């Protein structure tokens, strides 16, 4: 992490460490050397001139570094820290984009990811601050301890015992605190989830029209109780360790025994001067708070070391789904998609989700994949998009296995309208284009408007005062637009139309529409996508007649395939499902 800081903001890192080193020398001079020199000069009635020169030099040194520190920490540092945080966050986001999709379904990895994301802001700057604090206090502690050894070996012996003991205890405290935080982290994640449920609008209707709030509140109480148990589990050890540090090795050993001995040496034995007494006493006190600061900085650094190890583990994570060493060249034009004996099992599942899928999708063909919920339709789409790789078998685009292409280049072939889509706190244009839309790019805006027209959103667009510039959601703007479920789906569908792609995938994107509206929209979509391959998924069969070919899935297998008329003549499960749904519409 420190190397990262020096690589990103080298000048600030150097200046910060230099300033703290200068402050360390300042504390040594004030804590022991200047005090002994002045008091001994006065007590021995020496010339005042050397005293004034030394004191004046000390004050000048202090004024210079204080003035420099004002500029460094009030003007220079905020800009540099912002630059450091920006670089760190950007690296974090870029890493998150490259993460395997499967990672989002691994609770252990997700815990670390959520933690890393929450800790990124300011963590690198914290590490630099801690190293600077360690440097400053090491200079102060070592300088004063060395001077004490020369002036009074007994004082040094007491200080050495206190320092070693408190350092060892601080290491033990850090380990206990880190274990406590590891145990509370999953509980905090659960608490945060329950909190989000009560304040996010996504859950507002269900909360108010059901009794789900009661079990959620019960879970919240149980989670709090579990956190209290973890805290109580570690509290006795932490209290014992911290009390031993404060009262055993500070209050008793230094403030009690040590001060009594040096006072006896100065007043009774007169073996040391009063200047030495004052210097040694003040030096030990200065040493005490400097050492406390050093221990605190070391503790934070050690704790950050544990955290940074997790953060580094995330940043150094190498995705399993990566570009091949010698990627195949992406063919021009719409190509055939072939699935050969494709099976897939989710990690930690015994039962396969897909079994022996064989599928051939011709260029510009319009196919429908239908079946009950849980049949494996959406999983099949995730494999086509290479969000997952098959457990067995292979998928080919054109003449090459999709693993032979660059991942990003292959995924760019697809325009997708997901069933569980998300709208972002951005303009309508950016929500359709899914990228920055330049203000003066009229050609791009026309493309976006055409995509919205194809998704049957043109009428609603005309009603918006700011048109494509309309802000969506009220995350950042009180005037943000909130659309109905059907309108939001049309925006999601427009994304697929706006994207220059070879294959359109529509994963039940019109499920919020009534059957007639769904039929009309799908018909318009298929007509608008004549030059592309179209794959649409649905458990409603009102629009399947529009497809060139239909595939019925059951329990992860393709059990029937053919055109609508062929499957109706077959009289199998597709025909029964279609008649069942059609009967509902006729009776309605």
Protein backbone atom coordinates (compact mmCIF):
# COMPACT_ATOMS: atom_id res chain seq x y z
CA UNK A 1 0.00 0.00 0.00
CA UNK A 2 2.84 2.40 0.84
CA UNK A 3 4.40 1.70 -2.56
CA UNK A 4 1.05 2.55 -4.13
CA UNK A 5 1.00 5.88 -2.25
CA UNK A 6 4.54 6.80 -3.35
CA UNK A 7 3.68 5.84 -6.92
CA UNK A 8 0.50 7.95 -6.97
CA UNK A 9 1.45 11.05 -4.91
CA UNK A 10 5.26 10.83 -4.46
CA UNK A 11 5.88 14.50 -3.60
CA UNK A 12 3.18 14.62 -0.94
CA UNK A 13 4.34 11.32 0.58
CA UNK A 14 7.94 12.60 0.85
CA UNK A 15 6.94 16.01 2.26
CA UNK A 16 4.54 14.46 4.77
CA UNK A 17 7.23 12.12 6.12
CA UNK A 18 9.81 14.94 6.19
CA UNK A 19 7.49 17.25 8.16
CA UNK A 20 6.76 14.59 10.76
CA UNK A 21 10.47 13.79 11.11
CA UNK A 22 11.16 17.48 11.77
CA UNK A 23 8.41 17.53 14.41
CA UNK A 24 10.03 14.49 16.01
CA UNK A 25 13.35 16.32 16.41
CA UNK A 26 11.44 19.35 17.76
CA UNK A 27 9.91 17.21 20.53
CA UNK A 28 13.33 15.80 21.51
CA UNK A 29 14.78 19.30 21.83
CA UNK A 30 11.82 20.58 23.85
CA UNK A 31 11.24 17.47 25.91
CA UNK A 32 14.72 17.18 27.41
CA UNK A 33 17.68 19.09 25.91
CA UNK A 34 16.40 22.68 26.05
CA UNK A 35 14.91 22.26 29.52
CA UNK A 36 18.15 20.88 31.05
CA UNK A 37 20.27 23.56 29.39
CA UNK A 38 18.10 26.47 30.58
CA UNK A 39 17.54 25.26 34.18
CA UNK A 40 21.20 24.35 34.74
CA UNK A 41 22.30 27.72 33.31
CA UNK A 42 19.99 29.57 35.71
CA UNK A 43 20.86 27.43 38.75
CA UNK A 44 24.61 27.74 38.09
CA UNK A 45 24.23 31.50 37.33
CA UNK A 46 25.79 31.23 33.89
CA UNK A 47 25.68 33.98 31.21
CA UNK A 48 22.20 34.65 29.85
CA UNK A 49 23.44 35.16 26.26
CA UNK A 50 23.92 31.45 25.38
CA UNK A 51 20.50 30.71 26.91
CA UNK A 52 18.81 33.36 24.76
CA UNK A 53 20.61 32.18 21.63
CA UNK A 54 19.64 28.54 22.18
CA UNK A 55 16.03 29.40 23.09
CA UNK A 56 15.78 31.79 20.14
CA UNK A 57 17.13 29.17 17.75
CA UNK A 58 14.63 26.66 19.08
CA UNK A 59 11.73 29.10 18.64
CA UNK A 60 12.87 29.97 15.10
CA UNK A 61 13.07 26.28 14.21
CA UNK A 62 9.58 25.73 15.62
CA UNK A 63 8.13 28.75 13.76
CA UNK A 64 9.56 27.59 10.43
CA UNK A 65 8.21 24.05 10.63
CA UNK A 66 4.82 25.23 11.96
CA UNK A 67 4.45 27.68 9.06
CA UNK A 68 5.47 25.01 6.55
CA UNK A 69 3.04 22.55 8.16
CA UNK A 70 0.21 25.05 7.79
CA UNK A 71 0.72 25.18 4.03
CA UNK A 72 1.33 21.45 3.63
CA UNK A 73 -1.65 20.22 5.64
CA UNK A 74 -4.19 22.96 4.91
CA UNK A 75 -3.56 23.59 1.20
CA UNK A 76 -1.34 20.92 -0.37
CA UNK A 77 -2.58 17.80 1.45
CA UNK A 78 -6.34 17.99 0.63
CA UNK A 79 -5.63 18.10 -3.11
CA UNK A 80 -3.16 15.22 -2.93
CA UNK A 81 -5.39 13.06 -0.72
CA UNK A 82 -8.29 13.59 -3.11
CA UNK A 83 -6.03 12.51 -5.98
CA UNK A 84 -4.96 9.42 -4.01
CA UNK A 85 -8.55 8.47 -3.11
CA UNK A 86 -9.66 8.95 -6.70
CA UNK A 87 -6.92 6.65 -8.02
CA UNK A 88 -7.70 4.03 -5.38
CA UNK A 89 -11.45 4.10 -5.99
CA UNK A 90 -10.98 3.95 -9.75
CA UNK A 91 -8.76 0.88 -9.44
CA UNK A 92 -11.38 -0.67 -7.15
CA UNK A 93 -14.21 -0.03 -9.62
CA UNK A 94 -12.19 -1.33 -12.57
CA UNK A 95 -11.42 -4.48 -10.61
CA UNK A 96 -15.10 -4.91 -9.74
CA UNK A 97 -16.00 -4.72 -13.44
CA UNK A 98 -13.53 -7.53 -14.22
CA UNK A 99 -14.73 -9.77 -11.38
CA UNK A 100 -16.30 -13.03 -12.42
CA UNK A 101 -20.09 -12.84 -12.23
CA UNK A 102 -20.02 -15.96 -10.03
CA UNK A 103 -18.22 -13.98 -7.30
CA UNK A 104 -21.46 -12.11 -6.55
CA UNK A 105 -22.99 -15.42 -5.46
CA UNK A 106 -20.09 -16.45 -3.19
CA UNK A 107 -20.99 -15.18 0.34
CA UNK A 108 -17.40 -15.28 1.62
CA UNK A 109 -16.00 -13.41 -1.38
CA UNK A 110 -18.94 -10.99 -1.31
CA UNK A 111 -18.27 -10.22 2.38
CA UNK A 112 -14.67 -9.33 1.54
CA UNK A 113 -15.74 -7.35 -1.52
CA UNK A 114 -18.33 -5.31 0.40
CA UNK A 115 -15.75 -4.68 3.13
CA UNK A 116 -13.06 -3.68 0.61
CA UNK A 117 -15.45 -1.33 -1.19
CA UNK A 118 -16.39 0.36 2.10
CA UNK A 119 -12.75 0.71 3.22
CA UNK A 120 -11.17 1.99 0.01
CA UNK A 121 -11.98 5.66 0.57
CA UNK A 122 -9.17 7.17 2.64
CA UNK A 123 -7.45 3.89 3.50
CA UNK A 124 -4.27 4.63 1.53
CA UNK A 125 -4.03 8.11 3.10
CA UNK A 126 -4.55 6.54 6.54
CA UNK A 127 -1.60 4.21 5.95
CA UNK A 128 0.64 7.14 5.00
CA UNK A 129 -0.52 9.07 8.10
CA UNK A 130 0.28 6.08 10.29
CA UNK A 131 3.75 5.62 8.78
CA UNK A 132 4.41 9.34 9.25
CA UNK A 133 3.22 9.13 12.87
CA UNK A 134 5.42 6.09 13.46
CA UNK A 135 8.44 7.93 12.01
CA UNK A 136 7.82 11.04 14.14
CA UNK A 137 7.33 9.11 17.36
CA UNK A 138 10.24 6.72 16.71
CA UNK A 139 12.51 9.77 16.39
CA UNK A 140 11.06 11.29 19.57
CA UNK A 141 11.14 8.07 21.59
CA UNK A 142 14.61 6.99 20.45
CA UNK A 143 16.04 10.52 20.88
CA UNK A 144 14.68 10.96 24.39
CA UNK A 145 15.48 7.37 25.40
CA UNK A 146 19.07 7.77 24.21
CA UNK A 147 19.46 11.03 26.09
CA UNK A 148 17.99 9.46 29.22
CA UNK A 149 20.51 6.63 28.95
CA UNK A 150 23.33 9.18 28.99
CA UNK A 151 21.86 11.39 31.74
CA UNK A 152 20.42 8.72 34.02
CA UNK A 153 20.73 4.97 33.27
CA UNK A 154 18.19 4.14 36.00
CA UNK A 155 15.58 6.31 34.26
CA UNK A 156 16.37 4.59 30.99
CA UNK A 157 15.92 1.12 32.56
CA UNK A 158 12.42 2.00 33.81
CA UNK A 159 11.48 3.45 30.46
CA UNK A 160 12.82 0.43 28.56
CA UNK A 161 10.79 -2.03 30.66
CA UNK A 162 7.66 0.08 30.24
CA UNK A 163 8.13 0.43 26.47
CA UNK A 164 8.70 -3.27 25.80
CA UNK A 165 5.79 -4.37 28.00
CA UNK A 166 3.33 -1.87 26.54
CA UNK A 167 4.36 -2.72 22.99
CA UNK A 168 3.79 -6.46 23.52
CA UNK A 169 0.43 -5.78 25.14
CA UNK A 170 -0.61 -3.52 22.26
CA UNK A 171 0.07 -6.34 19.78
CA UNK A 172 -2.19 -8.61 21.80
CA UNK A 173 -4.91 -5.92 21.90
CA UNK A 174 -4.77 -5.53 18.10
CA UNK A 175 -5.21 -9.25 17.53
CA UNK A 176 -8.20 -9.42 19.84
CA UNK A 177 -9.84 -6.35 18.25
CA UNK A 178 -9.30 -7.73 14.75
CA UNK A 179 -10.88 -11.07 15.68
CA UNK A 180 -13.83 -9.18 17.14
CA UNK A 181 -14.29 -7.17 13.94
CA UNK A 182 -14.08 -10.30 11.79
CA UNK A 183 -16.91 -11.87 13.79
CA UNK A 184 -19.07 -8.75 13.72
CA UNK A 185 -18.63 -8.02 9.99
CA UNK A 186 -21.26 -10.55 8.72
CA UNK A 187 -23.63 -9.35 11.45
CA UNK A 188 -23.11 -5.73 10.41
CA UNK A 189 -23.86 -6.72 6.82
CA UNK A 190 -27.16 -8.29 7.94
CA UNK A 191 -28.03 -5.21 10.03
CA UNK A 192 -27.29 -2.93 7.09
CA UNK A 193 -29.50 -5.04 4.82
CA UNK A 194 -32.44 -4.81 7.22
CA UNK A 195 -31.88 -1.05 7.55
CA UNK A 196 -31.95 -0.66 3.75
CA UNK A 197 -35.22 -2.58 3.55
CA UNK A 198 -36.89 0.02 5.76
CA UNK A 199 -35.62 3.14 3.97
CA UNK A 200 -35.35 2.14 0.29
CA UNK A 201 -38.45 2.79 -1.87
CA UNK A 202 -38.05 -0.63 -3.54
CA UNK A 203 -39.49 -2.33 -0.45
CA UNK A 204 -41.98 0.34 0.66
CA UNK A 205 -45.13 -1.29 -0.80
CA UNK A 206 -44.42 -4.77 0.58
CA UNK A 207 -43.55 -3.36 4.01
CA UNK A 208 -46.89 -1.53 4.19
CA UNK A 209 -49.12 -4.23 2.76
CA UNK A 210 -47.76 -7.28 4.59
CA UNK A 211 -46.48 -8.43 7.96
CA UNK A 212 -42.89 -8.86 6.79
CA UNK A 213 -41.78 -5.96 9.02
CA UNK A 214 -42.30 -8.07 12.17
CA UNK A 215 -39.85 -10.89 11.28
CA UNK A 216 -37.39 -8.32 9.91
CA UNK A 217 -37.46 -6.40 13.18
CA UNK A 218 -37.10 -9.68 15.04
CA UNK A 219 -34.05 -10.53 12.91
CA UNK A 220 -32.66 -7.05 13.62
CA UNK A 221 -33.02 -7.61 17.38
CA UNK A 222 -31.42 -11.05 17.13
CA UNK A 223 -28.55 -9.64 15.06
CA UNK A 224 -27.99 -6.89 17.63
CA UNK A 225 -28.04 -9.49 20.38
CA UNK A 226 -25.49 -11.57 18.47
CA UNK A 227 -23.26 -8.49 18.11
CA UNK A 228 -23.56 -7.83 21.84
CA UNK A 229 -22.51 -11.42 22.50
CA UNK A 230 -19.42 -10.98 20.34
CA UNK A 231 -18.55 -7.73 22.14
CA UNK A 232 -19.02 -9.34 25.56
CA UNK A 233 -16.93 -12.31 24.45
CA UNK A 234 -13.85 -10.15 23.83
CA UNK A 235 -14.41 -7.31 26.34
CA UNK A 236 -12.85 -8.98 29.43
CA UNK A 237 -9.58 -9.65 27.60
CA UNK A 238 -9.44 -6.13 26.17
CA UNK A 239 -10.20 -4.51 29.53
CA UNK A 240 -7.56 -6.60 31.31
CA UNK A 241 -4.89 -5.82 28.71
CA UNK A 242 -5.62 -2.07 28.64
CA UNK A 243 -5.78 -1.74 32.43
CA UNK A 244 -2.46 -3.57 32.74
CA UNK A 245 -0.91 -1.11 30.30
CA UNK A 246 -2.24 2.02 31.96
CA UNK A 247 -2.02 1.28 35.66
CA UNK A 248 0.74 -1.32 35.75
CA UNK A 249 3.33 0.08 33.37
CA UNK A 250 2.42 3.78 33.35
CA UNK A 251 0.77 5.01 36.54
CA UNK A 252 2.64 2.69 38.95
CA UNK A 253 6.01 2.07 37.27
CA UNK A 254 6.71 5.51 35.76
CA UNK A 255 4.62 8.06 37.66
CA UNK A 256 5.13 6.31 41.01
CA UNK A 257 8.34 4.31 41.39
CA UNK A 258 10.46 6.12 38.81
CA UNK A 259 9.64 9.68 39.95
CA UNK A 260 10.34 8.77 43.59
CA UNK A 261 13.81 7.45 42.70
CA UNK A 262 14.97 10.46 40.62
CA UNK A 263 13.56 12.92 43.19
CA UNK A 264 15.54 11.09 45.91
CA UNK A 265 18.69 11.31 43.72
CA UNK A 266 18.32 15.09 43.23
CA UNK A 267 17.08 16.21 46.65
CA UNK A 268 18.66 13.78 49.10
CA UNK A 269 21.73 12.36 47.39
CA UNK A 270 22.27 15.44 45.17
CA UNK A 271 23.84 13.10 42.60
CA UNK A 272 22.02 14.83 39.73
CA UNK A 273 21.33 18.52 39.07
CA UNK A 274 17.87 20.05 39.22
CA UNK A 275 18.18 20.63 35.48
CA UNK A 276 18.73 16.91 35.02
CA UNK A 277 15.78 16.15 37.35
CA UNK A 278 13.47 18.43 35.38
CA UNK A 279 14.79 17.19 32.04
CA UNK A 280 14.56 13.52 32.99
CA UNK A 281 11.07 13.92 34.49
CA UNK A 282 9.73 15.94 31.56
CA UNK A 283 11.54 13.62 29.18
CA UNK A 284 9.80 10.59 30.66
CA UNK A 285 6.41 12.32 30.45
CA UNK A 286 7.11 13.39 26.86
CA UNK A 287 8.36 9.91 26.18
CA UNK A 288 5.16 8.52 27.71
CA UNK A 289 2.73 10.34 25.43
CA UNK A 290 5.06 9.95 22.44
CA UNK A 291 5.21 6.24 23.10
CA UNK A 292 1.42 6.12 23.49
CA UNK A 293 1.16 7.83 20.11
CA UNK A 294 3.68 5.39 18.67
CA UNK A 295 1.77 2.41 20.05
CA UNK A 296 -1.47 3.87 18.71
CA UNK A 297 0.07 4.40 15.27
CA UNK A 298 1.58 0.91 15.28
CA UNK A 299 -1.76 -0.55 16.39
CA UNK A 300 -3.60 1.21 13.59
CA UNK A 301 -0.90 0.22 11.14
CA UNK A 302 -1.10 -3.40 12.26
CA UNK A 303 -4.89 -3.34 12.04
CA UNK A 304 -4.66 -1.76 8.61
CA UNK A 305 -2.17 -4.47 7.68
CA UNK A 306 -4.87 -7.06 8.34
CA UNK A 307 -7.37 -4.99 6.37
CA UNK A 308 -4.94 -4.23 3.56
CA UNK A 309 -4.15 -7.92 3.28
CA UNK A 310 -7.83 -8.51 2.52
CA UNK A 311 -7.95 -5.49 0.21
CA UNK A 312 -4.81 -6.65 -1.58
CA UNK A 313 -6.35 -10.12 -1.88
CA UNK A 314 -9.32 -8.56 -3.64
CA UNK A 315 -7.23 -6.30 -5.88
CA UNK A 316 -4.90 -9.17 -6.77
CA UNK A 317 -7.80 -11.51 -7.53
CA UNK A 318 -7.46 -12.89 -11.04
CA UNK A 319 -10.77 -13.65 -12.77
CA UNK A 320 -11.20 -17.18 -14.04
CA UNK A 321 -12.90 -15.85 -17.14
CA UNK A 322 -10.06 -14.05 -18.91
CA UNK A 323 -8.91 -13.31 -22.43
CA UNK A 324 -6.98 -16.09 -24.20
CA UNK A 325 -3.27 -15.59 -24.89
CA UNK A 326 -3.93 -15.62 -28.65
CA UNK A 327 -7.54 -14.45 -29.09
CA UNK A 328 -9.46 -15.34 -32.23
CA UNK A 329 -10.47 -12.52 -34.55
CA UNK A 330 -14.13 -11.63 -34.22
CA UNK A 331 -15.91 -12.46 -37.51
CA UNK A 332 -17.73 -9.71 -39.40
CA UNK A 333 -21.51 -9.88 -39.63
CA UNK A 334 -24.10 -11.93 -37.78
CA UNK A 335 -22.87 -15.48 -37.17
CA UNK A 336 -24.37 -18.82 -36.19
CA UNK A 337 -24.50 -19.72 -32.49
CA UNK A 338 -24.08 -23.39 -31.60
CA UNK A 339 -24.41 -25.13 -28.24
CA UNK A 340 -23.08 -28.69 -28.14
CA UNK A 341 -23.88 -30.98 -25.18
CA UNK A 342 -23.87 -28.01 -22.79
CA UNK A 343 -24.42 -28.77 -19.11
CA UNK A 344 -24.02 -26.45 -16.16
CA UNK A 345 -24.05 -26.85 -12.38
CA UNK A 346 -23.84 -23.90 -10.00
CA UNK A 347 -21.04 -24.03 -7.46
CA UNK A 348 -21.96 -25.86 -4.24
CA UNK A 349 -25.00 -27.41 -5.97
CA UNK A 350 -25.26 -31.13 -6.59
CA UNK A 351 -28.09 -30.97 -9.10
CA UNK A 352 -27.22 -29.57 -12.57
CA UNK A 353 -29.28 -26.60 -13.77
CA UNK A 354 -28.72 -27.39 -17.47
CA UNK A 355 -28.27 -30.88 -18.90
CA UNK A 356 -27.12 -31.82 -22.42
CA UNK A 357 -28.31 -28.71 -24.25
CA UNK A 358 -27.89 -28.91 -28.03
CA UNK A 359 -28.97 -25.79 -29.86
CA UNK A 360 -28.26 -24.21 -33.23
CA UNK A 361 -29.29 -20.61 -33.83
CA UNK A 362 -28.89 -19.49 -37.42
CA UNK A 363 -27.86 -15.93 -38.33
CA UNK A 364 -30.79 -13.47 -38.01
CA UNK A 365 -33.09 -16.23 -36.76
CA UNK A 366 -35.77 -15.30 -34.22
CA UNK A 367 -36.12 -17.94 -31.51
CA UNK A 368 -38.16 -18.20 -28.32
CA UNK A 369 -37.10 -20.14 -25.24
CA UNK A 370 -40.11 -20.97 -23.08
CA UNK A 371 -40.90 -22.97 -19.99
CA UNK A 372 -41.91 -22.76 -16.36
CA UNK A 373 -39.92 -20.77 -13.80
CA UNK A 374 -36.81 -22.69 -12.77
CA UNK A 375 -36.54 -24.54 -16.08
CA UNK A 376 -33.07 -23.04 -16.71
CA UNK A 377 -33.97 -20.39 -19.30
CA UNK A 378 -32.15 -17.46 -17.66
CA UNK A 379 -29.14 -19.64 -16.82
CA UNK A 380 -28.88 -20.56 -20.50
CA UNK A 381 -28.79 -16.85 -21.36
CA UNK A 382 -26.04 -16.26 -18.78
CA UNK A 383 -23.96 -18.94 -20.51
CA UNK A 384 -24.59 -17.36 -23.92
CA UNK A 385 -23.40 -14.00 -22.51
CA UNK A 386 -20.41 -15.79 -20.97
CA UNK A 387 -21.26 -14.68 -17.46
CA UNK A 388 -20.60 -18.34 -16.69
CA UNK A 389 -18.76 -21.04 -18.61
CA UNK A 390 -20.39 -24.44 -19.19
CA UNK A 391 -19.48 -27.24 -16.80
CA UNK A 392 -19.53 -29.56 -19.82
CA UNK A 393 -19.82 -29.06 -23.57
CA UNK A 394 -19.05 -25.92 -25.55
CA UNK A 395 -20.65 -22.84 -27.07
CA UNK A 396 -19.46 -21.56 -30.45
CA UNK A 397 -20.02 -18.27 -32.25
CA UNK A 398 -19.17 -18.56 -35.92
CA UNK A 399 -16.38 -21.09 -36.29
CA UNK A 400 -14.76 -20.59 -32.87
CA UNK A 401 -15.49 -21.51 -29.28
CA UNK A 402 -16.59 -18.36 -27.44
CA UNK A 403 -13.68 -18.89 -25.01
CA UNK A 404 -11.33 -18.11 -27.90
CA UNK A 405 -12.57 -14.50 -28.18
CA UNK A 406 -11.75 -11.56 -25.94
CA UNK A 407 -14.40 -11.53 -23.21
CA UNK A 408 -15.39 -7.87 -23.60
CA UNK A 409 -15.39 -8.08 -27.41
CA UNK A 410 -17.62 -11.16 -27.36
CA UNK A 411 -20.11 -9.69 -24.88
CA UNK A 412 -20.32 -6.55 -26.98
CA UNK A 413 -22.05 -8.67 -29.65
CA UNK A 414 -25.19 -8.76 -27.50
CA UNK A 415 -27.86 -6.22 -26.74
CA UNK A 416 -29.74 -7.42 -23.67
CA UNK A 417 -32.96 -6.45 -21.93
CA UNK A 418 -32.85 -8.28 -18.61
CA UNK A 419 -35.88 -9.34 -16.61
CA UNK A 420 -34.31 -7.94 -13.43
CA UNK A 421 -33.00 -4.74 -15.04
CA UNK A 422 -31.93 -1.63 -13.14
CA UNK A 423 -32.45 2.05 -13.91
CA UNK A 424 -29.59 4.33 -12.89
CA UNK A 425 -29.55 7.79 -11.32
CA UNK A 426 -28.63 9.41 -14.63
CA UNK A 427 -30.37 10.99 -17.62
CA UNK A 428 -32.88 9.08 -19.74
CA UNK A 429 -30.41 9.20 -22.65
CA UNK A 430 -27.62 7.68 -20.55
CA UNK A 431 -29.99 5.01 -19.22
CA UNK A 432 -30.71 3.94 -22.79
CA UNK A 433 -27.21 4.30 -24.27
CA UNK A 434 -25.59 3.04 -21.03
CA UNK A 435 -22.69 5.43 -21.52
CA UNK A 436 -21.98 9.16 -21.52
CA UNK A 437 -24.03 11.01 -24.17
CA UNK A 438 -22.22 14.13 -25.47
CA UNK A 439 -24.45 17.22 -25.38
CA UNK A 440 -23.84 18.09 -29.05
CA UNK A 441 -24.00 14.59 -30.52
CA UNK A 442 -27.32 14.94 -32.34
CA UNK A 443 -26.78 11.75 -34.34
CA UNK A 444 -26.47 9.69 -31.16
CA UNK A 445 -29.53 11.37 -29.65
CA UNK A 446 -31.51 10.51 -32.77
CA UNK A 447 -30.42 6.89 -32.40
CA UNK A 448 -31.58 6.86 -28.78
CA UNK A 449 -34.94 8.40 -29.69
CA UNK A 450 -35.40 5.77 -32.42
CA UNK A 451 -34.65 3.02 -29.89
CA UNK A 452 -37.29 4.46 -27.54
CA UNK A 453 -39.77 4.59 -30.41
CA UNK A 454 -39.14 0.91 -31.20
CA UNK A 455 -39.75 0.03 -27.54
CA UNK A 456 -43.10 1.90 -27.63
CA UNK A 457 -41.87 4.71 -25.35
CA UNK A 458 -42.20 7.56 -27.87
CA UNK A 459 -45.52 8.82 -26.51
CA UNK A 460 -44.17 9.04 -22.97
CA UNK A 461 -40.98 10.71 -24.20
CA UNK A 462 -43.02 13.49 -25.83
CA UNK A 463 -44.62 14.24 -22.45
CA UNK A 464 -41.27 14.83 -20.72
CA UNK A 465 -40.34 18.53 -20.57
CA UNK A 466 -36.60 17.82 -20.64
CA UNK A 467 -36.87 14.94 -23.09
CA UNK A 468 -33.74 12.80 -23.18
CA UNK A 469 -32.13 15.02 -20.51
CA UNK A 470 -34.76 13.97 -17.94
CA UNK A 471 -33.09 12.72 -14.76
CA UNK A 472 -34.24 9.29 -13.59
CA UNK A 473 -34.83 8.43 -9.91
CA UNK A 474 -34.67 11.00 -7.10
CA UNK A 475 -31.30 9.85 -5.82
CA UNK A 476 -29.67 13.21 -6.61
CA UNK A 477 -32.52 15.42 -7.83
CA UNK A 478 -35.90 16.22 -6.29
CA UNK A 479 -37.21 16.63 -9.84
CA UNK A 480 -36.06 13.16 -10.89
CA UNK A 481 -38.62 11.13 -12.82
CA UNK A 482 -40.12 7.94 -11.39
CA UNK A 483 -41.59 5.66 -14.07
CA UNK A 484 -44.12 2.88 -13.77
CA UNK A 485 -42.99 -0.74 -14.06
CA UNK A 486 -44.14 -0.98 -17.69
CA UNK A 487 -42.48 2.31 -18.66
CA UNK A 488 -39.24 1.28 -16.97
CA UNK A 489 -39.28 -2.01 -18.90
CA UNK A 490 -39.64 -0.12 -22.17
CA UNK A 491 -36.54 1.93 -21.30
CA UNK A 492 -34.66 -1.31 -20.59
CA UNK A 493 -35.81 -2.75 -23.93
CA UNK A 494 -34.67 0.43 -25.71
CA UNK A 495 -31.12 -0.30 -24.50
CA UNK A 496 -31.06 -3.43 -26.63
CA UNK A 497 -32.29 -1.52 -29.70
CA UNK A 498 -29.87 1.39 -29.24
CA UNK A 499 -26.79 -0.79 -28.97
CA UNK A 500 -25.11 -1.65 -32.29
CA UNK A 501 -25.07 -5.41 -31.85
CA UNK A 502 -25.54 -8.67 -33.73
CA UNK A 503 -27.75 -10.50 -31.22
CA UNK A 504 -30.74 -9.22 -29.24
CA UNK A 505 -31.60 -11.07 -26.04
CA UNK A 506 -34.91 -10.24 -24.39
CA UNK A 507 -35.16 -12.04 -21.03
CA UNK A 508 -38.86 -11.61 -20.21
CA UNK A 509 -38.44 -7.84 -20.50
CA UNK A 510 -42.17 -7.20 -21.00
CA UNK A 511 -43.45 -9.21 -18.03
CA UNK A 512 -44.99 -6.07 -16.47
CA UNK A 513 -47.23 -5.56 -19.52
CA UNK A 514 -50.61 -7.10 -20.19
CA UNK A 515 -50.65 -9.95 -22.78
CA UNK A 516 -51.98 -7.77 -25.63
CA UNK A 517 -49.41 -5.01 -25.02
CA UNK A 518 -46.71 -7.66 -24.71
CA UNK A 519 -47.73 -9.23 -28.02
CA UNK A 520 -47.76 -5.87 -29.83
CA UNK A 521 -44.42 -4.84 -28.34
CA UNK A 522 -42.72 -8.13 -29.19
CA UNK A 523 -44.12 -7.98 -32.72
CA UNK A 524 -42.74 -4.46 -33.16
CA UNK A 525 -39.39 -5.54 -31.71
CA UNK A 526 -39.06 -8.50 -34.06
CA UNK A 527 -39.94 -6.36 -37.06
CA UNK A 528 -37.38 -3.75 -36.00
CA UNK A 529 -34.64 -6.38 -35.64
CA UNK A 530 -34.74 -7.97 -39.09
CA UNK A 531 -30.97 -7.76 -39.48
CA UNK A 532 -30.15 -9.32 -36.10
CA UNK A 533 -30.50 -12.63 -34.34
CA UNK A 534 -33.20 -12.38 -31.67
CA UNK A 535 -33.54 -14.63 -28.61
CA UNK A 536 -36.47 -13.94 -26.34
CA UNK A 537 -37.42 -15.76 -23.18
CA UNK A 538 -40.91 -15.99 -21.79
CA UNK A 539 -43.09 -18.20 -19.65
CA UNK A 540 -46.11 -16.59 -21.33
CA UNK A 541 -46.75 -18.05 -24.76
CA UNK A 542 -48.83 -15.23 -26.26
CA UNK A 543 -45.94 -14.06 -28.46
CA UNK A 544 -44.21 -17.32 -29.33
CA UNK A 545 -46.08 -17.59 -32.64
CA UNK A 546 -43.89 -14.74 -33.88
CA UNK A 547 -40.70 -16.80 -33.50
CA UNK A 548 -39.10 -18.80 -36.31
CA UNK A 549 -38.38 -21.57 -33.83
CA UNK A 550 -39.48 -22.33 -30.27
CA UNK A 551 -37.60 -24.33 -27.62
CA UNK A 552 -39.48 -25.66 -24.60
CA UNK A 553 -37.33 -26.26 -21.52
CA UNK A 554 -38.14 -28.46 -18.54
CA UNK A 555 -35.79 -29.20 -15.63
CA UNK A 556 -32.73 -27.93 -17.50
CA UNK A 557 -33.39 -29.83 -20.73
CA UNK A 558 -34.81 -28.91 -24.12
CA UNK A 559 -37.75 -31.29 -24.43
CA UNK A 560 -39.49 -29.89 -27.52
CA UNK A 561 -38.49 -27.68 -30.45
CA UNK A 562 -40.06 -26.46 -33.66
CA UNK A 563 -42.29 -23.71 -35.01
CA UNK A 564 -45.53 -22.84 -33.24
CA UNK A 565 -47.60 -24.82 -35.75
CA UNK A 566 -45.28 -27.84 -35.54
CA UNK A 567 -45.44 -27.93 -31.77
CA UNK A 568 -49.21 -27.53 -31.74
CA UNK A 569 -49.53 -30.46 -34.14
CA UNK A 570 -47.17 -32.46 -31.90
CA UNK A 571 -49.69 -32.12 -29.09
CA UNK A 572 -47.05 -32.20 -26.35
CA UNK A 573 -46.42 -30.04 -23.30
CA UNK A 574 -46.05 -26.84 -25.36
CA UNK A 575 -49.48 -27.36 -26.93
CA UNK A 576 -51.05 -28.02 -23.53
CA UNK A 577 -49.41 -24.92 -22.01
CA UNK A 578 -50.48 -22.76 -24.93
CA UNK A 579 -54.09 -23.96 -24.79
CA UNK A 580 -54.15 -23.48 -21.02
CA UNK A 581 -52.94 -19.87 -21.28
CA UNK A 582 -55.10 -19.10 -24.32
CA UNK A 583 -58.12 -20.44 -22.46
CA UNK A 584 -57.49 -18.01 -19.62
CA UNK A 585 -57.35 -15.09 -22.04
CA UNK A 586 -60.55 -16.22 -23.85
CA UNK A 587 -62.46 -16.68 -20.59
CA UNK A 588 -61.24 -13.31 -19.36
